[in-house]
């Protein structure tokens, strides 16, 4: 149950974050704002320099969801980036010079400084690049011990098949990138209940550590 609620919460958070993109861009003075260091190489141009790169939350840690915003001098054709080994796809707001993307630092991400490498392609096909360092701090997570029936620890054959099918579905979904956001609206709770501070928790079932909890329970 927790896995399904977690998926709903992630989608809801994505919707809320994207819907608030204009507010994030407009409130840069309250955000970690950084003047971009722009580099140029063969095939690049200074015609659409990257003015600023900023993100929320200001201080990220293991497991954080990051909302990145890139502001340019002129409207590009597209903007992308790489961070912690992942490719980020950016979408623009009503202002075609302001682009945003969602990303995440995995629970296993080692604390340290990671390059956010931004690439903007101009309508002419030329590109401009910028690199900013984003710090990821160590997270503080709890440990939870629970005694449950054995079938909750060792799934049966039917449950194993369902787990494999769910993994295939999730992998397929994450492999697909749309040309535009497929969501709208504000954050909506998955259920009418309070969430628990269980994200990142080390789960110990029947006195045996099983895994890190990667979702949020209600």
Protein backbone atom coordinates (compact mmCIF):
# COMPACT_ATOMS: atom_id res chain seq x y z
CA UNK A 1 0.00 0.00 0.00
CA UNK A 2 2.82 2.39 0.89
CA UNK A 3 4.39 1.97 -2.56
CA UNK A 4 1.21 3.01 -4.37
CA UNK A 5 0.63 5.98 -2.08
CA UNK A 6 4.28 6.97 -2.60
CA UNK A 7 3.83 7.04 -6.37
CA UNK A 8 0.74 9.21 -6.04
CA UNK A 9 2.52 11.59 -3.69
CA UNK A 10 5.48 11.95 -6.05
CA UNK A 11 3.16 12.77 -8.97
CA UNK A 12 1.23 15.24 -6.84
CA UNK A 13 4.43 16.93 -5.70
CA UNK A 14 5.58 17.18 -9.29
CA UNK A 15 2.32 18.85 -10.25
CA UNK A 16 2.51 21.30 -7.38
CA UNK A 17 6.13 22.16 -8.07
CA UNK A 18 5.58 22.78 -11.75
CA UNK A 19 2.43 24.81 -11.13
CA UNK A 20 4.49 26.97 -8.81
CA UNK A 21 7.26 27.49 -11.36
CA UNK A 22 6.43 31.10 -12.01
CA UNK A 23 6.45 31.86 -8.28
CA UNK A 24 9.87 30.24 -7.87
CA UNK A 25 11.24 32.21 -10.79
CA UNK A 26 9.76 35.48 -9.53
CA UNK A 27 11.03 34.98 -5.98
CA UNK A 28 14.65 34.36 -6.85
CA UNK A 29 15.80 36.78 -4.15
CA UNK A 30 14.56 34.24 -1.59
CA UNK A 31 16.18 31.30 -3.38
CA UNK A 32 19.70 29.96 -3.84
CA UNK A 33 20.44 32.16 -6.89
CA UNK A 34 23.73 31.85 -8.71
CA UNK A 35 25.14 33.87 -11.59
CA UNK A 36 26.04 31.23 -14.13
CA UNK A 37 29.61 30.64 -15.21
CA UNK A 38 29.20 30.23 -18.98
CA UNK A 39 31.73 28.34 -21.07
CA UNK A 40 32.12 28.39 -24.82
CA UNK A 41 33.66 25.90 -27.23
CA UNK A 42 33.47 25.06 -30.93
CA UNK A 43 29.94 25.57 -32.19
CA UNK A 44 28.85 27.73 -29.25
CA UNK A 45 27.77 31.35 -29.13
CA UNK A 46 27.41 34.19 -26.62
CA UNK A 47 24.09 35.31 -28.14
CA UNK A 48 21.90 33.71 -25.46
CA UNK A 49 24.03 33.61 -22.34
CA UNK A 50 22.70 31.82 -19.28
CA UNK A 51 22.11 34.60 -16.77
CA UNK A 52 21.21 32.68 -13.62
CA UNK A 53 20.80 29.16 -12.28
CA UNK A 54 19.01 28.63 -8.96
CA UNK A 55 17.24 25.91 -7.06
CA UNK A 56 15.03 24.99 -4.13
CA UNK A 57 15.50 23.86 -1.45
CA UNK A 58 18.50 26.07 -0.78
CA UNK A 59 20.21 23.32 1.23
CA UNK A 60 19.84 19.86 -0.26
CA UNK A 61 20.53 16.53 1.38
CA UNK A 62 20.33 12.84 0.55
CA UNK A 63 16.81 12.10 -0.67
CA UNK A 64 15.96 15.74 -1.52
CA UNK A 65 13.74 16.68 -4.45
CA UNK A 66 15.27 19.65 -6.30
CA UNK A 67 13.48 22.30 -8.36
CA UNK A 68 16.00 23.83 -10.79
CA UNK A 69 15.39 27.08 -12.67
CA UNK A 70 17.53 28.45 -15.51
CA UNK A 71 17.17 32.05 -16.69
CA UNK A 72 18.61 33.09 -20.07
CA UNK A 73 19.22 36.36 -21.90
CA UNK A 74 17.13 35.22 -24.87
CA UNK A 75 14.72 32.36 -25.57
CA UNK A 76 16.51 29.12 -26.58
CA UNK A 77 15.13 26.17 -28.52
CA UNK A 78 15.60 23.80 -25.61
CA UNK A 79 17.47 23.40 -22.31
CA UNK A 80 18.83 20.24 -20.71
CA UNK A 81 21.30 19.36 -17.97
CA UNK A 82 23.09 16.52 -16.26
CA UNK A 83 23.36 16.14 -12.47
CA UNK A 84 24.51 13.18 -10.38
CA UNK A 85 24.63 10.98 -13.48
CA UNK A 86 21.06 11.80 -14.59
CA UNK A 87 19.81 13.74 -17.61
CA UNK A 88 17.36 16.54 -16.75
CA UNK A 89 14.78 17.80 -19.24
CA UNK A 90 13.71 21.42 -18.78
CA UNK A 91 10.37 23.05 -19.70
CA UNK A 92 9.79 26.77 -20.10
CA UNK A 93 7.24 28.93 -18.30
CA UNK A 94 5.08 31.57 -20.03
CA UNK A 95 8.35 33.46 -20.27
CA UNK A 96 10.36 31.45 -22.83
CA UNK A 97 13.58 32.72 -21.24
CA UNK A 98 12.88 30.93 -17.92
CA UNK A 99 13.11 27.12 -17.84
CA UNK A 100 12.63 24.66 -14.99
CA UNK A 101 13.19 20.99 -14.16
CA UNK A 102 12.66 18.59 -11.28
CA UNK A 103 15.41 16.25 -10.08
CA UNK A 104 16.31 14.25 -7.02
CA UNK A 105 19.33 13.26 -4.97
CA UNK A 106 18.92 9.55 -4.24
CA UNK A 107 19.15 8.23 -0.70
CA UNK A 108 22.42 6.51 -1.67
CA UNK A 109 23.95 9.72 -3.07
CA UNK A 110 27.19 10.35 -1.21
CA UNK A 111 27.39 13.76 0.49
CA UNK A 112 29.48 16.14 -1.59
CA UNK A 113 29.45 18.72 -4.36
CA UNK A 114 28.02 17.72 -7.75
CA UNK A 115 28.27 19.59 -11.05
CA UNK A 116 25.01 20.76 -12.60
CA UNK A 117 25.97 20.99 -16.29
CA UNK A 118 23.42 23.04 -18.20
CA UNK A 119 23.19 23.13 -22.01
CA UNK A 120 20.94 25.51 -23.95
CA UNK A 121 20.42 25.16 -27.70
CA UNK A 122 19.64 28.28 -29.69
CA UNK A 123 17.21 28.43 -32.62
CA UNK A 124 20.29 28.58 -34.88
CA UNK A 125 21.47 25.19 -33.54
CA UNK A 126 24.42 26.63 -31.63
CA UNK A 127 24.72 25.96 -27.91
CA UNK A 128 25.78 27.71 -24.71
CA UNK A 129 26.81 25.83 -21.59
CA UNK A 130 27.07 26.57 -17.89
CA UNK A 131 28.37 24.58 -14.91
CA UNK A 132 27.33 25.15 -11.29
CA UNK A 133 28.24 23.11 -8.22
CA UNK A 134 25.34 21.89 -6.09
CA UNK A 135 26.08 20.64 -2.59
CA UNK A 136 24.30 17.60 -1.17
CA UNK A 137 24.55 17.15 2.61
CA UNK A 138 24.14 13.97 4.64
CA UNK A 139 20.55 13.23 5.56
CA UNK A 140 19.29 12.23 9.00
CA UNK A 141 16.89 9.30 8.88
CA UNK A 142 15.27 7.14 11.51
CA UNK A 143 15.16 3.40 12.08
CA UNK A 144 11.84 1.65 12.53
CA UNK A 145 11.31 -1.82 13.97
CA UNK A 146 8.08 -3.67 13.25
CA UNK A 147 6.87 -7.18 14.03
CA UNK A 148 4.63 -8.42 11.22
CA UNK A 149 3.36 -11.77 9.91
CA UNK A 150 5.99 -13.61 7.91
CA UNK A 151 4.09 -13.21 4.62
CA UNK A 152 4.81 -9.48 4.80
CA UNK A 153 8.56 -10.24 4.83
CA UNK A 154 8.70 -13.16 2.39
CA UNK A 155 6.30 -12.66 -0.56
CA UNK A 156 4.72 -15.76 -2.09
CA UNK A 157 5.12 -16.69 -5.76
CA UNK A 158 2.10 -14.70 -6.90
CA UNK A 159 3.30 -11.62 -5.04
CA UNK A 160 6.79 -12.01 -6.52
CA UNK A 161 5.30 -12.01 -10.03
CA UNK A 162 3.35 -8.86 -9.19
CA UNK A 163 6.50 -7.19 -7.87
CA UNK A 164 8.35 -7.99 -11.13
CA UNK A 165 5.41 -6.71 -13.22
CA UNK A 166 5.30 -3.49 -11.19
CA UNK A 167 9.03 -2.97 -11.71
CA UNK A 168 8.67 -3.41 -15.48
CA UNK A 169 5.83 -0.87 -15.52
CA UNK A 170 7.83 1.63 -13.48
CA UNK A 171 10.95 1.21 -15.65
CA UNK A 172 8.87 1.78 -18.78
CA UNK A 173 7.30 4.91 -17.31
CA UNK A 174 10.63 6.42 -16.28
CA UNK A 175 12.12 5.69 -19.73
CA UNK A 176 9.50 7.89 -21.41
CA UNK A 177 10.06 11.65 -21.70
CA UNK A 178 7.22 13.84 -22.95
CA UNK A 179 7.61 16.99 -25.01
CA UNK A 180 5.65 18.95 -22.39
CA UNK A 181 4.55 18.44 -18.76
CA UNK A 182 1.67 15.98 -18.49
CA UNK A 183 0.21 17.46 -15.31
CA UNK A 184 -1.33 20.64 -13.96
CA UNK A 185 -2.83 21.98 -10.74
CA UNK A 186 -1.72 22.17 -7.15
CA UNK A 187 -0.66 19.49 -4.70
CA UNK A 188 -3.47 17.15 -3.70
CA UNK A 189 -2.94 14.66 -0.82
CA UNK A 190 -3.24 11.03 -1.85
CA UNK A 191 -5.73 10.35 0.95
CA UNK A 192 -7.48 12.32 3.68
CA UNK A 193 -4.88 11.50 6.33
CA UNK A 194 -1.63 12.85 7.75
CA UNK A 195 1.64 11.57 6.33
CA UNK A 196 4.27 9.95 8.56
CA UNK A 197 7.95 10.97 8.69
CA UNK A 198 8.97 7.59 7.29
CA UNK A 199 10.90 8.56 4.14
CA UNK A 200 14.46 7.21 4.25
CA UNK A 201 13.73 5.08 7.29
CA UNK A 202 15.67 1.82 7.73
CA UNK A 203 12.98 -0.82 8.06
CA UNK A 204 13.64 -3.70 10.47
CA UNK A 205 10.97 -6.36 10.10
CA UNK A 206 10.97 -9.15 12.67
CA UNK A 207 14.41 -8.11 13.95
CA UNK A 208 15.96 -8.31 10.48
CA UNK A 209 16.90 -5.22 8.44
CA UNK A 210 15.22 -5.41 5.06
CA UNK A 211 15.58 -2.13 3.17
CA UNK A 212 15.41 1.64 3.12
CA UNK A 213 11.90 3.04 2.92
CA UNK A 214 11.75 5.18 -0.23
CA UNK A 215 8.18 6.40 0.08
CA UNK A 216 5.92 8.28 2.45
CA UNK A 217 3.19 6.42 4.33
CA UNK A 218 -0.26 7.68 5.26
